[in-house]
Amino acid sequence: MTISEQIKVLCVRCGVSEAELARRLGKSPQSFNSKMKRESFTVEDLEKIADVLGVEFNREFILANGDKV
């Protein structure tokens, strides 16, 4: 599974649209969508995504119930 696919699954599991995630990250939905298509996320980007969604990131996303995405 690609990182963009993981982020999409994470959004669904957290009940947040990709557009809302973009806004929470301080980015436009268009800019975030471009980043998703390019698969151009840094570890810092992924840590911030985890932070704004309230999940743990340890080179993978871990939901509050322990499920990994």
PDB file of N, CA and C in Angstrom:
ATOM      1  N   MET A   1       0.856  -1.172   0.000  1.00  0.00           N
ATOM      2  CA  MET A   1       0.000   0.000   0.000  1.00  0.00           C
ATOM      3  C   MET A   1       0.906   1.240   0.000  1.00  0.00           C
ATOM      4  N   THR A   2       0.610   2.181  -0.871  1.00  0.00           N
ATOM      5  CA  THR A   2       1.403   3.413  -0.935  1.00  0.00           C
ATOM      6  C   THR A   2       1.054   4.321   0.242  1.00  0.00           C
ATOM      7  N   ILE A   3       1.889   5.302   0.485  1.00  0.00           N
ATOM      8  CA  ILE A   3       1.623   6.232   1.584  1.00  0.00           C
ATOM      9  C   ILE A   3       0.337   7.015   1.335  1.00  0.00           C
ATOM     10  N   SER A   4       0.071   7.381   0.081  1.00  0.00           N
ATOM     11  CA  SER A   4      -1.177   8.096  -0.223  1.00  0.00           C
ATOM     12  C   SER A   4      -2.385   7.210   0.050  1.00  0.00           C
ATOM     13  N   GLU A   5      -2.273   5.922  -0.280  1.00  0.00           N
ATOM     14  CA  GLU A   5      -3.368   4.995   0.014  1.00  0.00           C
ATOM     15  C   GLU A   5      -3.556   4.868   1.522  1.00  0.00           C
ATOM     16  N   GLN A   6      -2.455   4.832   2.262  1.00  0.00           N
ATOM     17  CA  GLN A   6      -2.546   4.761   3.719  1.00  0.00           C
ATOM     18  C   GLN A   6      -3.224   6.010   4.283  1.00  0.00           C
ATOM     19  N   ILE A   7      -2.887   7.168   3.744  1.00  0.00           N
ATOM     20  CA  ILE A   7      -3.495   8.416   4.212  1.00  0.00           C
ATOM     21  C   ILE A   7      -4.990   8.421   3.898  1.00  0.00           C
ATOM     22  N   LYS A   8      -5.378   7.918   2.730  1.00  0.00           N
ATOM     23  CA  LYS A   8      -6.803   7.844   2.382  1.00  0.00           C
ATOM     24  C   LYS A   8      -7.551   6.943   3.357  1.00  0.00           C
ATOM     25  N   VAL A   9      -6.975   5.789   3.680  1.00  0.00           N
ATOM     26  CA  VAL A   9      -7.595   4.873   4.640  1.00  0.00           C
ATOM     27  C   VAL A   9      -7.684   5.541   6.010  1.00  0.00           C
ATOM     28  N   LEU A  10      -6.628   6.209   6.394  1.00  0.00           N
ATOM     29  CA  LEU A  10      -6.604   6.909   7.675  1.00  0.00           C
ATOM     30  C   LEU A  10      -7.711   7.955   7.749  1.00  0.00           C
ATOM     31  N   CYS A  11      -7.887   8.714   6.678  1.00  0.00           N
ATOM     32  CA  CYS A  11      -8.953   9.726   6.640  1.00  0.00           C
ATOM     33  C   CYS A  11     -10.320   9.079   6.835  1.00  0.00           C
ATOM     34  N   VAL A  12     -10.556   7.976   6.139  1.00  0.00           N
ATOM     35  CA  VAL A  12     -11.840   7.278   6.268  1.00  0.00           C
ATOM     36  C   VAL A  12     -12.032   6.800   7.705  1.00  0.00           C
ATOM     37  N   ARG A  13     -11.003   6.176   8.258  1.00  0.00           N
ATOM     38  CA  ARG A  13     -11.106   5.630   9.614  1.00  0.00           C
ATOM     39  C   ARG A  13     -11.300   6.723  10.664  1.00  0.00           C
ATOM     40  N   CYS A  14     -10.749   7.904  10.399  1.00  0.00           N
ATOM     41  CA  CYS A  14     -10.871   9.026  11.349  1.00  0.00           C
ATOM     42  C   CYS A  14     -12.073   9.916  11.049  1.00  0.00           C
ATOM     43  N   GLY A  15     -12.796   9.626   9.958  1.00  0.00           N
ATOM     44  CA  GLY A  15     -13.973  10.416   9.610  1.00  0.00           C
ATOM     45  C   GLY A  15     -13.648  11.820   9.155  1.00  0.00           C
ATOM     46  N   VAL A  16     -12.508  11.969   8.471  1.00  0.00           N
ATOM     47  CA  VAL A  16     -12.056  13.281   8.003  1.00  0.00           C
ATOM     48  C   VAL A  16     -11.841  13.206   6.499  1.00  0.00           C
ATOM     49  N   SER A  17     -12.365  14.176   5.770  1.00  0.00           N
ATOM     50  CA  SER A  17     -12.138  14.199   4.324  1.00  0.00           C
ATOM     51  C   SER A  17     -10.704  14.645   4.048  1.00  0.00           C
ATOM     52  N   GLU A  18     -10.225  14.336   2.860  1.00  0.00           N
ATOM     53  CA  GLU A  18      -8.887  14.791   2.474  1.00  0.00           C
ATOM     54  C   GLU A  18      -8.829  16.315   2.450  1.00  0.00           C
ATOM     55  N   ALA A  19      -9.921  16.950   2.032  1.00  0.00           N
ATOM     56  CA  ALA A  19      -9.967  18.416   2.005  1.00  0.00           C
ATOM     57  C   ALA A  19      -9.867  18.984   3.417  1.00  0.00           C
ATOM     58  N   GLU A  20     -10.551  18.363   4.366  1.00  0.00           N
ATOM     59  CA  GLU A  20     -10.481  18.817   5.761  1.00  0.00           C
ATOM     60  C   GLU A  20      -9.085  18.588   6.326  1.00  0.00           C
ATOM     61  N   LEU A  21      -8.487  17.465   6.003  1.00  0.00           N
ATOM     62  CA  LEU A  21      -7.117  17.204   6.450  1.00  0.00           C
ATOM     63  C   LEU A  21      -6.179  18.282   5.914  1.00  0.00           C
ATOM     64  N   ALA A  22      -6.341  18.616   4.647  1.00  0.00           N
ATOM     65  CA  ALA A  22      -5.511  19.671   4.046  1.00  0.00           C
ATOM     66  C   ALA A  22      -5.663  20.973   4.827  1.00  0.00           C
ATOM     67  N   ARG A  23      -6.893  21.346   5.133  1.00  0.00           N
ATOM     68  CA  ARG A  23      -7.137  22.588   5.874  1.00  0.00           C
ATOM     69  C   ARG A  23      -6.483  22.542   7.258  1.00  0.00           C
ATOM     70  N   ARG A  24      -6.599  21.403   7.931  1.00  0.00           N
ATOM     71  CA  ARG A  24      -5.988  21.263   9.256  1.00  0.00           C
ATOM     72  C   ARG A  24      -4.465  21.369   9.189  1.00  0.00           C
ATOM     73  N   LEU A  25      -3.910  21.003   8.045  1.00  0.00           N
ATOM     74  CA  LEU A  25      -2.459  21.089   7.847  1.00  0.00           C
ATOM     75  C   LEU A  25      -2.024  22.469   7.379  1.00  0.00           C
ATOM     76  N   GLY A  26      -3.008  23.355   7.130  1.00  0.00           N
ATOM     77  CA  GLY A  26      -2.692  24.697   6.658  1.00  0.00           C
ATOM     78  C   GLY A  26      -2.385  24.753   5.180  1.00  0.00           C
ATOM     79  N   LYS A  27      -2.894  23.780   4.430  1.00  0.00           N
ATOM     80  CA  LYS A  27      -2.662  23.726   2.983  1.00  0.00           C
ATOM     81  C   LYS A  27      -3.999  23.799   2.259  1.00  0.00           C
ATOM     82  N   SER A  28      -3.957  24.190   1.009  1.00  0.00           N
ATOM     83  CA  SER A  28      -5.184  24.166   0.219  1.00  0.00           C
ATOM     84  C   SER A  28      -5.456  22.717  -0.181  1.00  0.00           C
ATOM     85  N   PRO A  29      -6.732  22.357  -0.363  1.00  0.00           N
ATOM     86  CA  PRO A  29      -7.039  21.002  -0.827  1.00  0.00           C
ATOM     87  C   PRO A  29      -6.333  20.669  -2.145  1.00  0.00           C
ATOM     88  N   GLN A  30      -6.204  21.658  -3.031  1.00  0.00           N
ATOM     89  CA  GLN A  30      -5.543  21.421  -4.317  1.00  0.00           C
ATOM     90  C   GLN A  30      -4.067  21.083  -4.119  1.00  0.00           C
ATOM     91  N   SER A  31      -3.407  21.825  -3.258  1.00  0.00           N
ATOM     92  CA  SER A  31      -1.993  21.580  -2.967  1.00  0.00           C
ATOM     93  C   SER A  31      -1.798  20.200  -2.340  1.00  0.00           C
ATOM     94  N   PHE A  32      -2.673  19.854  -1.401  1.00  0.00           N
ATOM     95  CA  PHE A  32      -2.574  18.555  -0.739  1.00  0.00           C
ATOM     96  C   PHE A  32      -2.840  17.430  -1.733  1.00  0.00           C
ATOM     97  N   ASN A  33      -3.820  17.622  -2.611  1.00  0.00           N
ATOM     98  CA  ASN A  33      -4.131  16.613  -3.621  1.00  0.00           C
ATOM     99  C   ASN A  33      -2.927  16.379  -4.537  1.00  0.00           C
ATOM    100  N   SER A  34      -2.240  17.438  -4.904  1.00  0.00           N
ATOM    101  CA  SER A  34      -1.037  17.305  -5.736  1.00  0.00           C
ATOM    102  C   SER A  34       0.034  16.502  -5.008  1.00  0.00           C
ATOM    103  N   LYS A  35       0.187  16.779  -3.729  1.00  0.00           N
ATOM    104  CA  LYS A  35       1.164  16.046  -2.917  1.00  0.00           C
ATOM    105  C   LYS A  35       0.788  14.565  -2.841  1.00  0.00           C
ATOM    106  N   MET A  36      -0.500  14.285  -2.724  1.00  0.00           N
ATOM    107  CA  MET A  36      -0.972  12.895  -2.691  1.00  0.00           C
ATOM    108  C   MET A  36      -0.646  12.193  -4.009  1.00  0.00           C
ATOM    109  N   LYS A  37      -0.871  12.864  -5.120  1.00  0.00           N
ATOM    110  CA  LYS A  37      -0.606  12.259  -6.431  1.00  0.00           C
ATOM    111  C   LYS A  37       0.880  12.003  -6.647  1.00  0.00           C
ATOM    112  N   ARG A  38       1.715  12.909  -6.142  1.00  0.00           N
ATOM    113  CA  ARG A  38       3.166  12.777  -6.326  1.00  0.00           C
ATOM    114  C   ARG A  38       3.804  11.852  -5.294  1.00  0.00           C
ATOM    115  N   GLU A  39       3.059  11.509  -4.249  1.00  0.00           N
ATOM    116  CA  GLU A  39       3.617  10.693  -3.163  1.00  0.00           C
ATOM    117  C   GLU A  39       4.845  11.380  -2.562  1.00  0.00           C
ATOM    118  N   SER A  40       4.753  12.676  -2.372  1.00  0.00           N
ATOM    119  CA  SER A  40       5.933  13.445  -1.952  1.00  0.00           C
ATOM    120  C   SER A  40       5.839  13.907  -0.501  1.00  0.00           C
ATOM    121  N   PHE A  41       5.709  12.970   0.414  1.00  0.00           N
ATOM    122  CA  PHE A  41       5.599  13.295   1.832  1.00  0.00           C
ATOM    123  C   PHE A  41       6.918  13.043   2.544  1.00  0.00           C
ATOM    124  N   THR A  42       7.305  13.991   3.378  1.00  0.00           N
ATOM    125  CA  THR A  42       8.471  13.796   4.231  1.00  0.00           C
ATOM    126  C   THR A  42       8.006  13.147   5.535  1.00  0.00           C
ATOM    127  N   VAL A  43       8.943  12.661   6.308  1.00  0.00           N
ATOM    128  CA  VAL A  43       8.600  12.116   7.620  1.00  0.00           C
ATOM    129  C   VAL A  43       7.941  13.201   8.466  1.00  0.00           C
ATOM    130  N   GLU A  44       8.429  14.426   8.333  1.00  0.00           N
ATOM    131  CA  GLU A  44       7.832  15.535   9.082  1.00  0.00           C
ATOM    132  C   GLU A  44       6.378  15.756   8.666  1.00  0.00           C
ATOM    133  N   ASP A  45       6.088  15.646   7.362  1.00  0.00           N
ATOM    134  CA  ASP A  45       4.702  15.758   6.885  1.00  0.00           C
ATOM    135  C   ASP A  45       3.837  14.686   7.538  1.00  0.00           C
ATOM    136  N   LEU A  46       4.339  13.466   7.560  1.00  0.00           N
ATOM    137  CA  LEU A  46       3.574  12.345   8.112  1.00  0.00           C
ATOM    138  C   LEU A  46       3.368  12.506   9.614  1.00  0.00           C
ATOM    139  N   GLU A  47       4.365  13.018  10.298  1.00  0.00           N
ATOM    140  CA  GLU A  47       4.215  13.279  11.734  1.00  0.00           C
ATOM    141  C   GLU A  47       3.154  14.345  11.985  1.00  0.00           C
ATOM    142  N   LYS A  48       3.104  15.363  11.139  1.00  0.00           N
ATOM    143  CA  LYS A  48       2.098  16.420  11.295  1.00  0.00           C
ATOM    144  C   LYS A  48       0.702  15.876  10.995  1.00  0.00           C
ATOM    145  N   ILE A  49       0.582  15.031   9.973  1.00  0.00           N
ATOM    146  CA  ILE A  49      -0.706  14.403   9.662  1.00  0.00           C
ATOM    147  C   ILE A  49      -1.185  13.614  10.874  1.00  0.00           C
ATOM    148  N   ALA A  50      -0.309  12.814  11.446  1.00  0.00           N
ATOM    149  CA  ALA A  50      -0.668  12.032  12.630  1.00  0.00           C
ATOM    150  C   ALA A  50      -1.101  12.945  13.769  1.00  0.00           C
ATOM    151  N   ASP A  51      -0.374  14.025  13.968  1.00  0.00           N
ATOM    152  CA  ASP A  51      -0.678  14.957  15.051  1.00  0.00           C
ATOM    153  C   ASP A  51      -2.057  15.585  14.885  1.00  0.00           C
ATOM    154  N   VAL A  52      -2.362  16.089  13.692  1.00  0.00           N
ATOM    155  CA  VAL A  52      -3.659  16.766  13.510  1.00  0.00           C
ATOM    156  C   VAL A  52      -4.825  15.784  13.550  1.00  0.00           C
ATOM    157  N   LEU A  53      -4.567  14.502  13.276  1.00  0.00           N
ATOM    158  CA  LEU A  53      -5.635  13.504  13.336  1.00  0.00           C
ATOM    159  C   LEU A  53      -5.688  12.794  14.688  1.00  0.00           C
ATOM    160  N   GLY A  54      -4.731  13.095  15.547  1.00  0.00           N
ATOM    161  CA  GLY A  54      -4.736  12.497  16.880  1.00  0.00           C
ATOM    162  C   GLY A  54      -4.388  11.024  16.892  1.00  0.00           C
ATOM    163  N   VAL A  55      -3.522  10.613  15.967  1.00  0.00           N
ATOM    164  CA  VAL A  55      -3.076   9.224  15.922  1.00  0.00           C
ATOM    165  C   VAL A  55      -1.561   9.188  16.099  1.00  0.00           C
ATOM    166  N   GLU A  56      -1.048   8.005  16.333  1.00  0.00           N
ATOM    167  CA  GLU A  56       0.387   7.814  16.494  1.00  0.00           C
ATOM    168  C   GLU A  56       1.006   7.465  15.146  1.00  0.00           C
ATOM    169  N   PHE A  57       2.198   7.970  14.891  1.00  0.00           N
ATOM    170  CA  PHE A  57       2.930   7.613  13.673  1.00  0.00           C
ATOM    171  C   PHE A  57       4.287   7.062  14.062  1.00  0.00           C
ATOM    172  N   ASN A  58       4.522   5.824  13.662  1.00  0.00           N
ATOM    173  CA  ASN A  58       5.799   5.175  13.914  1.00  0.00           C
ATOM    174  C   ASN A  58       6.160   4.425  12.640  1.00  0.00           C
ATOM    175  N   ARG A  59       6.345   5.220  11.598  1.00  0.00           N
ATOM    176  CA  ARG A  59       6.528   4.706  10.239  1.00  0.00           C
ATOM    177  C   ARG A  59       5.300   3.943   9.771  1.00  0.00           C
ATOM    178  N   GLU A  60       4.248   4.043  10.553  1.00  0.00           N
ATOM    179  CA  GLU A  60       2.925   3.551  10.210  1.00  0.00           C
ATOM    180  C   GLU A  60       1.947   4.295  11.106  1.00  0.00           C
ATOM    181  N   PHE A  61       0.703   4.330  10.723  1.00  0.00           N
ATOM    182  CA  PHE A  61      -0.306   5.006  11.528  1.00  0.00           C
ATOM    183  C   PHE A  61      -0.948   3.988  12.459  1.00  0.00           C
ATOM    184  N   ILE A  62      -1.113   4.371  13.720  1.00  0.00           N
ATOM    185  CA  ILE A  62      -1.727   3.497  14.706  1.00  0.00           C
ATOM    186  C   ILE A  62      -2.910   4.240  15.318  1.00  0.00           C
ATOM    187  N   LEU A  63      -4.107   3.698  15.121  1.00  0.00           N
ATOM    188  CA  LEU A  63      -5.328   4.317  15.630  1.00  0.00           C
ATOM    189  C   LEU A  63      -5.432   4.122  17.138  1.00  0.00           C
ATOM    190  N   ALA A  64      -6.316   4.857  17.756  1.00  0.00           N
ATOM    191  CA  ALA A  64      -6.488   4.807  19.205  1.00  0.00           C
ATOM    192  C   ALA A  64      -6.802   3.396  19.704  1.00  0.00           C
ATOM    193  N   ASN A  65      -7.496   2.598  18.883  1.00  0.00           N
ATOM    194  CA  ASN A  65      -7.846   1.235  19.287  1.00  0.00           C
ATOM    195  C   ASN A  65      -6.729   0.235  19.000  1.00  0.00           C
ATOM    196  N   GLY A  66      -5.571   0.727  18.502  1.00  0.00           N
ATOM    197  CA  GLY A  66      -4.425  -0.139  18.245  1.00  0.00           C
ATOM    198  C   GLY A  66      -4.316  -0.649  16.826  1.00  0.00           C
ATOM    199  N   ASP A  67      -5.358  -0.453  16.012  1.00  0.00           N
ATOM    200  CA  ASP A  67      -5.303  -0.880  14.613  1.00  0.00           C
ATOM    201  C   ASP A  67      -4.246  -0.087  13.870  1.00  0.00           C
ATOM    202  N   LYS A  68      -3.549  -0.762  12.972  1.00  0.00           N
ATOM    203  CA  LYS A  68      -2.522  -0.099  12.169  1.00  0.00           C
ATOM    204  C   LYS A  68      -3.023   0.097  10.753  1.00  0.00           C
ATOM    205  N   VAL A  69      -2.674   1.241  10.181  1.00  0.00           N
ATOM    206  CA  VAL A  69      -3.059   1.563   8.803  1.00  0.00           C
ATOM    207  C   VAL A  69      -1.785   1.656   7.998  1.00  0.00           C
TER     208      VAL A  69
END
